Amino acid sequence: MASLDRVKVLVLGDSGVGKSSLVHLLCQNQVLGNPSWTIHDYKEGTPEEKTYYIELWDVGGSVGSVSSVKSTRAVFYNSVNGIILVHDLTNKKSSQNLYRWSLEALNKDSSPTGVIVSNGSDYDREQFAENPVPLLLIGTKFDQIPENKRSDVLNRTAFLSEDFNAEEINLDCTNPRYLAAGTSNAVKLSRFFDKVIEKRYFTRDPSQMTGFTDRKRFNFKSLHYD
């Protein structure tokens, strides 16, 4: 049996933001009733010519962890092809911590300089201007935001999207309709995985991209570390 082409995608964010529920939703297209360790989840894509195997590495914990914990997490940051940054839309701190998560994963958190972000840390937008690793921003618990506050929350996440040079998806992990086929969220998600695969397999030979978006299917596998 021929080996499948693989890509490694990190799913990063604070504990409790809904990463495990999100990964389960992506892999199984169903709600995770009792979030816990998620190992070896798969999802069959459409039966097209080419299959790509996507590993979703669910990495959590505290972004302000001691160096020994960060050193342990660093093992998971090797050979990364894409990063999904997950934050809780009802928890501003989890949104602010995405700056530190991203810098840690991209090995750029040793001496951050530049723009001062709202959580008091230094952040330089130039660090992401030419970042070769595709990023996707996902906000969870959208259903828990009161109608009269959604505009303010979405404005805040729009700034995050601009800072990371990434598309944003806001959803409720307990409702599969947010990622239903044909929705703008589903399109953004597919576009992100297309970019991840393109960067991994076609950057050196663009001619192979012909027909790529019409001849693919995704298999998902998730691994959890918290």
C-alpha atoms as a PDB file:
ATOM      1  CA  MET A   1       0.000   0.000   0.000  1.00  0.00           C
ATOM      2  CA  ALA A   2       1.460   3.357  -1.028  1.00  0.00           C
ATOM      3  CA  SER A   3       2.115   5.817   1.765  1.00  0.00           C
ATOM      4  CA  LEU A   4      -0.151   8.837   1.996  1.00  0.00           C
ATOM      5  CA  ASP A   5       1.080  12.391   1.675  1.00  0.00           C
ATOM      6  CA  ARG A   6       0.950  13.893   5.162  1.00  0.00           C
ATOM      7  CA  VAL A   7       0.810  17.355   6.689  1.00  0.00           C
ATOM      8  CA  LYS A   8       1.093  18.286  10.349  1.00  0.00           C
ATOM      9  CA  VAL A   9      -1.243  20.986  11.688  1.00  0.00           C
ATOM     10  CA  LEU A  10      -0.976  22.284  15.268  1.00  0.00           C
ATOM     11  CA  VAL A  11      -4.153  23.250  17.132  1.00  0.00           C
ATOM     12  CA  LEU A  12      -3.018  25.761  19.768  1.00  0.00           C
ATOM     13  CA  GLY A  13      -4.727  27.712  22.511  1.00  0.00           C
ATOM     14  CA  ASP A  14      -5.379  27.920  26.235  1.00  0.00           C
ATOM     15  CA  SER A  15      -6.931  25.002  28.099  1.00  0.00           C
ATOM     16  CA  GLY A  16     -10.715  25.136  28.086  1.00  0.00           C
ATOM     17  CA  VAL A  17     -11.197  27.111  24.868  1.00  0.00           C
ATOM     18  CA  GLY A  18     -12.677  24.091  23.073  1.00  0.00           C
ATOM     19  CA  LYS A  19      -9.766  22.682  21.062  1.00  0.00           C
ATOM     20  CA  SER A  20     -10.701  19.044  21.674  1.00  0.00           C
ATOM     21  CA  SER A  21     -14.329  19.697  20.752  1.00  0.00           C
ATOM     22  CA  LEU A  22     -13.217  21.525  17.611  1.00  0.00           C
ATOM     23  CA  VAL A  23     -10.877  18.738  16.525  1.00  0.00           C
ATOM     24  CA  HIS A  24     -13.565  16.136  17.132  1.00  0.00           C
ATOM     25  CA  LEU A  25     -16.013  18.183  15.088  1.00  0.00           C
ATOM     26  CA  LEU A  26     -13.506  18.405  12.226  1.00  0.00           C
ATOM     27  CA  CYS A  27     -12.689  14.706  12.320  1.00  0.00           C
ATOM     28  CA  GLN A  28     -16.103  13.203  13.019  1.00  0.00           C
ATOM     29  CA  ASN A  29     -18.518  15.945  11.922  1.00  0.00           C
ATOM     30  CA  GLN A  30     -20.324  15.488  15.215  1.00  0.00           C
ATOM     31  CA  VAL A  31     -20.381  17.015  18.680  1.00  0.00           C
ATOM     32  CA  LEU A  32     -18.004  15.715  21.351  1.00  0.00           C
ATOM     33  CA  GLY A  33     -20.297  14.867  24.264  1.00  0.00           C
ATOM     34  CA  ASN A  34     -17.630  14.483  26.946  1.00  0.00           C
ATOM     35  CA  PRO A  35     -14.378  16.273  25.968  1.00  0.00           C
ATOM     36  CA  SER A  36     -11.315  14.287  26.979  1.00  0.00           C
ATOM     37  CA  TRP A  37      -8.184  12.909  25.327  1.00  0.00           C
ATOM     38  CA  THR A  38      -8.708  12.608  21.569  1.00  0.00           C
ATOM     39  CA  ILE A  39      -6.387  10.106  19.947  1.00  0.00           C
ATOM     40  CA  HIS A  40      -6.608   8.728  16.420  1.00  0.00           C
ATOM     41  CA  ASP A  41      -9.731  10.395  15.072  1.00  0.00           C
ATOM     42  CA  TYR A  42     -10.289  10.110  11.327  1.00  0.00           C
ATOM     43  CA  LYS A  43     -12.543  11.602   8.713  1.00  0.00           C
ATOM     44  CA  GLU A  44     -12.935  10.380   5.158  1.00  0.00           C
ATOM     45  CA  GLY A  45     -12.976  13.107   2.536  1.00  0.00           C
ATOM     46  CA  THR A  46     -14.671  13.055  -0.835  1.00  0.00           C
ATOM     47  CA  PRO A  47     -13.684  10.094  -3.052  1.00  0.00           C
ATOM     48  CA  GLU A  48     -11.414  11.996  -5.415  1.00  0.00           C
ATOM     49  CA  GLU A  49      -8.136  11.095  -7.078  1.00  0.00           C
ATOM     50  CA  LYS A  50      -5.678  12.251  -4.417  1.00  0.00           C
ATOM     51  CA  THR A  51      -5.737  11.630  -0.682  1.00  0.00           C
ATOM     52  CA  TYR A  52      -3.939  13.818   1.859  1.00  0.00           C
ATOM     53  CA  TYR A  53      -3.459  12.713   5.435  1.00  0.00           C
ATOM     54  CA  ILE A  54      -3.849  15.626   7.874  1.00  0.00           C
ATOM     55  CA  GLU A  55      -2.577  15.207  11.423  1.00  0.00           C
ATOM     56  CA  LEU A  56      -4.205  17.592  13.891  1.00  0.00           C
ATOM     57  CA  TRP A  57      -1.987  18.025  16.953  1.00  0.00           C
ATOM     58  CA  ASP A  58      -4.084  19.359  19.843  1.00  0.00           C
ATOM     59  CA  VAL A  59      -1.607  21.161  22.127  1.00  0.00           C
ATOM     60  CA  GLY A  60      -2.806  23.054  25.189  1.00  0.00           C
ATOM     61  CA  GLY A  61      -1.810  24.091  28.665  1.00  0.00           C
ATOM     62  CA  SER A  62      -0.728  27.481  29.928  1.00  0.00           C
ATOM     63  CA  VAL A  63       1.160  29.795  27.628  1.00  0.00           C
ATOM     64  CA  GLY A  64       2.942  31.220  30.652  1.00  0.00           C
ATOM     65  CA  SER A  65       4.281  27.840  31.713  1.00  0.00           C
ATOM     66  CA  VAL A  66       7.714  27.397  33.223  1.00  0.00           C
ATOM     67  CA  SER A  67      10.565  26.725  30.830  1.00  0.00           C
ATOM     68  CA  SER A  68      10.543  22.961  31.481  1.00  0.00           C
ATOM     69  CA  VAL A  69       6.915  22.674  30.323  1.00  0.00           C
ATOM     70  CA  LYS A  70       7.541  24.885  27.303  1.00  0.00           C
ATOM     71  CA  SER A  71      10.564  22.745  26.475  1.00  0.00           C
ATOM     72  CA  THR A  72       8.358  19.654  26.529  1.00  0.00           C
ATOM     73  CA  ARG A  73       5.836  21.302  24.220  1.00  0.00           C
ATOM     74  CA  ALA A  74       8.614  22.323  21.841  1.00  0.00           C
ATOM     75  CA  VAL A  75       8.879  18.693  20.742  1.00  0.00           C
ATOM     76  CA  PHE A  76       5.487  19.032  19.064  1.00  0.00           C
ATOM     77  CA  TYR A  77       6.522  22.157  17.180  1.00  0.00           C
ATOM     78  CA  ASN A  78       8.974  20.389  14.870  1.00  0.00           C
ATOM     79  CA  SER A  79       8.172  20.085  11.161  1.00  0.00           C
ATOM     80  CA  VAL A  80       4.898  21.993  11.366  1.00  0.00           C
ATOM     81  CA  ASN A  81       2.987  22.649   8.140  1.00  0.00           C
ATOM     82  CA  GLY A  82       0.110  24.725   9.521  1.00  0.00           C
ATOM     83  CA  ILE A  83      -1.258  26.204  12.753  1.00  0.00           C
ATOM     84  CA  ILE A  84      -4.864  26.655  13.913  1.00  0.00           C
ATOM     85  CA  LEU A  85      -5.058  29.248  16.702  1.00  0.00           C
ATOM     86  CA  VAL A  86      -8.112  28.684  18.913  1.00  0.00           C
ATOM     87  CA  HIS A  87      -9.558  31.154  21.403  1.00  0.00           C
ATOM     88  CA  ASP A  88     -12.717  31.483  23.461  1.00  0.00           C
ATOM     89  CA  LEU A  89     -14.745  34.459  22.225  1.00  0.00           C
ATOM     90  CA  THR A  90     -16.123  34.962  25.740  1.00  0.00           C
ATOM     91  CA  ASN A  91     -12.639  35.065  27.270  1.00  0.00           C
ATOM     92  CA  LYS A  92     -10.537  38.030  26.137  1.00  0.00           C
ATOM     93  CA  LYS A  93      -7.441  36.654  27.863  1.00  0.00           C
ATOM     94  CA  SER A  94      -7.491  33.540  25.697  1.00  0.00           C
ATOM     95  CA  SER A  95      -7.527  35.809  22.632  1.00  0.00           C
ATOM     96  CA  GLN A  96      -4.601  37.866  23.883  1.00  0.00           C
ATOM     97  CA  ASN A  97      -2.614  34.725  24.664  1.00  0.00           C
ATOM     98  CA  LEU A  98      -2.685  33.697  21.000  1.00  0.00           C
ATOM     99  CA  TYR A  99       0.210  36.089  20.393  1.00  0.00           C
ATOM    100  CA  ARG A 100       2.361  34.171  22.840  1.00  0.00           C
ATOM    101  CA  TRP A 101       1.176  30.790  21.559  1.00  0.00           C
ATOM    102  CA  SER A 102       2.057  31.681  17.992  1.00  0.00           C
ATOM    103  CA  LEU A 103       5.462  33.090  18.893  1.00  0.00           C
ATOM    104  CA  GLU A 104       6.253  30.040  21.006  1.00  0.00           C
ATOM    105  CA  ALA A 105       5.282  27.613  18.240  1.00  0.00           C
ATOM    106  CA  LEU A 106       7.252  29.518  15.623  1.00  0.00           C
ATOM    107  CA  ASN A 107      10.289  29.671  17.943  1.00  0.00           C
ATOM    108  CA  LYS A 108      10.167  33.455  18.056  1.00  0.00           C
ATOM    109  CA  ASP A 109       9.230  34.032  21.679  1.00  0.00           C
ATOM    110  CA  SER A 110      12.740  34.384  23.115  1.00  0.00           C
ATOM    111  CA  SER A 111      13.023  38.124  22.611  1.00  0.00           C
ATOM    112  CA  PRO A 112       9.785  39.592  21.211  1.00  0.00           C
ATOM    113  CA  THR A 113      10.051  43.264  20.310  1.00  0.00           C
ATOM    114  CA  GLY A 114       7.857  45.831  18.622  1.00  0.00           C
ATOM    115  CA  VAL A 115       4.186  46.547  19.072  1.00  0.00           C
ATOM    116  CA  ILE A 116       2.798  46.383  22.615  1.00  0.00           C
ATOM    117  CA  VAL A 117      -0.383  44.313  22.566  1.00  0.00           C
ATOM    118  CA  SER A 118      -3.166  44.589  25.090  1.00  0.00           C
ATOM    119  CA  ASN A 119      -1.851  41.825  27.357  1.00  0.00           C
ATOM    120  CA  GLY A 120       1.349  43.784  27.905  1.00  0.00           C
ATOM    121  CA  SER A 121       3.691  41.650  25.808  1.00  0.00           C
ATOM    122  CA  ASP A 122       5.789  42.871  22.896  1.00  0.00           C
ATOM    123  CA  TYR A 123       4.528  41.921  19.472  1.00  0.00           C
ATOM    124  CA  ASP A 124       6.020  42.740  16.112  1.00  0.00           C
ATOM    125  CA  ARG A 125       3.667  42.330  13.143  1.00  0.00           C
ATOM    126  CA  GLU A 126       6.696  41.931  10.891  1.00  0.00           C
ATOM    127  CA  GLN A 127       7.305  38.555  12.501  1.00  0.00           C
ATOM    128  CA  PHE A 128       4.237  37.283  10.655  1.00  0.00           C
ATOM    129  CA  ALA A 129       4.524  39.345   7.486  1.00  0.00           C
ATOM    130  CA  GLU A 130       6.584  36.662   5.748  1.00  0.00           C
ATOM    131  CA  ASN A 131       5.689  33.708   7.950  1.00  0.00           C
ATOM    132  CA  PRO A 132       5.881  30.562   5.759  1.00  0.00           C
ATOM    133  CA  VAL A 133       3.516  28.565   7.988  1.00  0.00           C
ATOM    134  CA  PRO A 134      -0.191  29.055   7.118  1.00  0.00           C
ATOM    135  CA  LEU A 135      -2.326  30.209  10.057  1.00  0.00           C
ATOM    136  CA  LEU A 136      -6.058  29.988  10.718  1.00  0.00           C
ATOM    137  CA  LEU A 137      -7.854  31.783  13.566  1.00  0.00           C
ATOM    138  CA  ILE A 138     -10.883  30.078  15.137  1.00  0.00           C
ATOM    139  CA  GLY A 139     -13.074  31.618  17.831  1.00  0.00           C
ATOM    140  CA  THR A 140     -15.274  29.233  19.826  1.00  0.00           C
ATOM    141  CA  LYS A 141     -18.426  29.605  21.972  1.00  0.00           C
ATOM    142  CA  PHE A 142     -19.929  32.124  19.545  1.00  0.00           C
ATOM    143  CA  ASP A 143     -23.372  31.060  20.738  1.00  0.00           C
ATOM    144  CA  GLN A 144     -22.595  32.282  24.263  1.00  0.00           C
ATOM    145  CA  ILE A 145     -22.050  35.909  23.229  1.00  0.00           C
ATOM    146  CA  PRO A 146     -25.110  38.113  23.851  1.00  0.00           C
ATOM    147  CA  GLU A 147     -26.535  39.610  20.674  1.00  0.00           C
ATOM    148  CA  ASN A 148     -25.818  43.159  21.866  1.00  0.00           C
ATOM    149  CA  LYS A 149     -22.120  42.391  22.358  1.00  0.00           C
ATOM    150  CA  ARG A 150     -21.346  40.392  19.216  1.00  0.00           C
ATOM    151  CA  SER A 151     -20.363  43.434  17.185  1.00  0.00           C
ATOM    152  CA  ASP A 152     -17.671  44.445  19.675  1.00  0.00           C
ATOM    153  CA  VAL A 153     -16.327  40.892  19.924  1.00  0.00           C
ATOM    154  CA  LEU A 154     -16.173  40.471  16.151  1.00  0.00           C
ATOM    155  CA  ASN A 155     -14.343  43.780  15.788  1.00  0.00           C
ATOM    156  CA  ARG A 156     -11.756  42.525  18.259  1.00  0.00           C
ATOM    157  CA  THR A 157     -11.257  39.256  16.413  1.00  0.00           C
ATOM    158  CA  ALA A 158     -10.932  41.139  13.130  1.00  0.00           C
ATOM    159  CA  PHE A 159      -7.842  42.854  14.541  1.00  0.00           C
ATOM    160  CA  LEU A 160      -6.430  39.453  15.521  1.00  0.00           C
ATOM    161  CA  SER A 161      -7.010  38.173  12.011  1.00  0.00           C
ATOM    162  CA  GLU A 162      -5.171  41.166  10.579  1.00  0.00           C
ATOM    163  CA  ASP A 163      -2.258  40.792  12.991  1.00  0.00           C
ATOM    164  CA  PHE A 164      -1.767  37.135  12.146  1.00  0.00           C
ATOM    165  CA  ASN A 165      -2.457  37.613   8.439  1.00  0.00           C
ATOM    166  CA  ALA A 166      -4.967  34.778   8.741  1.00  0.00           C
ATOM    167  CA  GLU A 167      -8.616  34.149   7.950  1.00  0.00           C
ATOM    168  CA  GLU A 168     -10.984  33.856  10.908  1.00  0.00           C
ATOM    169  CA  ILE A 169     -13.808  31.464  11.692  1.00  0.00           C
ATOM    170  CA  ASN A 170     -16.193  31.978  14.601  1.00  0.00           C
ATOM    171  CA  LEU A 171     -18.381  29.065  15.624  1.00  0.00           C
ATOM    172  CA  ASP A 172     -20.068  26.949  18.248  1.00  0.00           C
ATOM    173  CA  CYS A 173     -18.332  23.560  18.562  1.00  0.00           C
ATOM    174  CA  THR A 174     -21.597  21.993  19.752  1.00  0.00           C
ATOM    175  CA  ASN A 175     -23.340  22.760  16.465  1.00  0.00           C
ATOM    176  CA  PRO A 176     -22.030  21.097  13.253  1.00  0.00           C
ATOM    177  CA  ARG A 177     -23.985  23.532  11.055  1.00  0.00           C
ATOM    178  CA  TYR A 178     -21.251  26.144  11.532  1.00  0.00           C
ATOM    179  CA  LEU A 179     -18.994  24.001   9.334  1.00  0.00           C
ATOM    180  CA  ALA A 180     -21.676  22.651   7.004  1.00  0.00           C
ATOM    181  CA  ALA A 181     -20.669  22.195   3.369  1.00  0.00           C
ATOM    182  CA  GLY A 182     -21.084  25.352   1.321  1.00  0.00           C
ATOM    183  CA  THR A 183     -20.934  27.756   4.264  1.00  0.00           C
ATOM    184  CA  SER A 184     -18.328  30.522   4.338  1.00  0.00           C
ATOM    185  CA  ASN A 185     -16.679  28.788   7.313  1.00  0.00           C
ATOM    186  CA  ALA A 186     -16.334  25.527   5.392  1.00  0.00           C
ATOM    187  CA  VAL A 187     -14.832  27.410   2.449  1.00  0.00           C
ATOM    188  CA  LYS A 188     -12.292  29.142   4.706  1.00  0.00           C
ATOM    189  CA  LEU A 189     -11.375  25.839   6.344  1.00  0.00           C
ATOM    190  CA  SER A 190     -10.884  24.096   3.011  1.00  0.00           C
ATOM    191  CA  ARG A 191      -8.859  27.056   1.737  1.00  0.00           C
ATOM    192  CA  PHE A 192      -6.584  26.813   4.783  1.00  0.00           C
ATOM    193  CA  PHE A 193      -5.918  23.095   4.260  1.00  0.00           C
ATOM    194  CA  ASP A 194      -5.345  23.738   0.553  1.00  0.00           C
ATOM    195  CA  LYS A 195      -2.713  26.313   1.482  1.00  0.00           C
ATOM    196  CA  VAL A 196      -1.061  23.948   3.971  1.00  0.00           C
ATOM    197  CA  ILE A 197      -0.795  21.190   1.368  1.00  0.00           C
ATOM    198  CA  GLU A 198       0.317  23.595  -1.332  1.00  0.00           C
ATOM    199  CA  LYS A 199       3.133  24.922   0.871  1.00  0.00           C
ATOM    200  CA  ARG A 200       4.207  21.397   1.784  1.00  0.00           C
ATOM    201  CA  TYR A 201       4.093  19.669  -1.586  1.00  0.00           C
ATOM    202  CA  PHE A 202       3.861  22.174  -4.426  1.00  0.00           C
ATOM    203  CA  THR A 203       5.988  25.191  -3.530  1.00  0.00           C
ATOM    204  CA  ARG A 204       8.989  23.898  -5.459  1.00  0.00           C
ATOM    205  CA  ASP A 205       6.982  22.817  -8.497  1.00  0.00           C
ATOM    206  CA  PRO A 206       3.951  25.090  -9.069  1.00  0.00           C
ATOM    207  CA  SER A 207       3.105  23.212 -12.284  1.00  0.00           C
ATOM    208  CA  GLN A 208       1.802  20.344 -10.164  1.00  0.00           C
ATOM    209  CA  MET A 209      -0.891  22.614  -8.797  1.00  0.00           C
ATOM    210  CA  THR A 210      -2.957  22.193 -11.977  1.00  0.00           C
ATOM    211  CA  GLY A 211      -6.284  20.712 -10.955  1.00  0.00           C
ATOM    212  CA  PHE A 212      -5.129  20.308  -7.345  1.00  0.00           C
ATOM    213  CA  THR A 213      -8.188  21.890  -5.721  1.00  0.00           C
ATOM    214  CA  ASP A 214     -10.514  19.642  -7.722  1.00  0.00           C
ATOM    215  CA  ARG A 215      -8.691  16.379  -7.051  1.00  0.00           C
ATOM    216  CA  LYS A 216      -8.141  15.974  -3.341  1.00  0.00           C
ATOM    217  CA  ARG A 217      -9.591  14.411  -0.267  1.00  0.00           C
ATOM    218  CA  PHE A 218      -8.626  14.848   3.367  1.00  0.00           C
ATOM    219  CA  ASN A 219      -8.098  12.154   5.994  1.00  0.00           C
ATOM    220  CA  PHE A 220      -7.827  13.552   9.517  1.00  0.00           C
ATOM    221  CA  LYS A 221      -6.037  12.206  12.567  1.00  0.00           C
ATOM    222  CA  SER A 222      -5.925  14.006  15.900  1.00  0.00           C
ATOM    223  CA  LEU A 223      -3.466  13.764  18.771  1.00  0.00           C
ATOM    224  CA  HIS A 224      -3.936  15.527  22.095  1.00  0.00           C
ATOM    225  CA  TYR A 225      -1.384  16.924  24.531  1.00  0.00           C
ATOM    226  CA  ASP A 226      -2.426  19.026  27.492  1.00  0.00           C
END
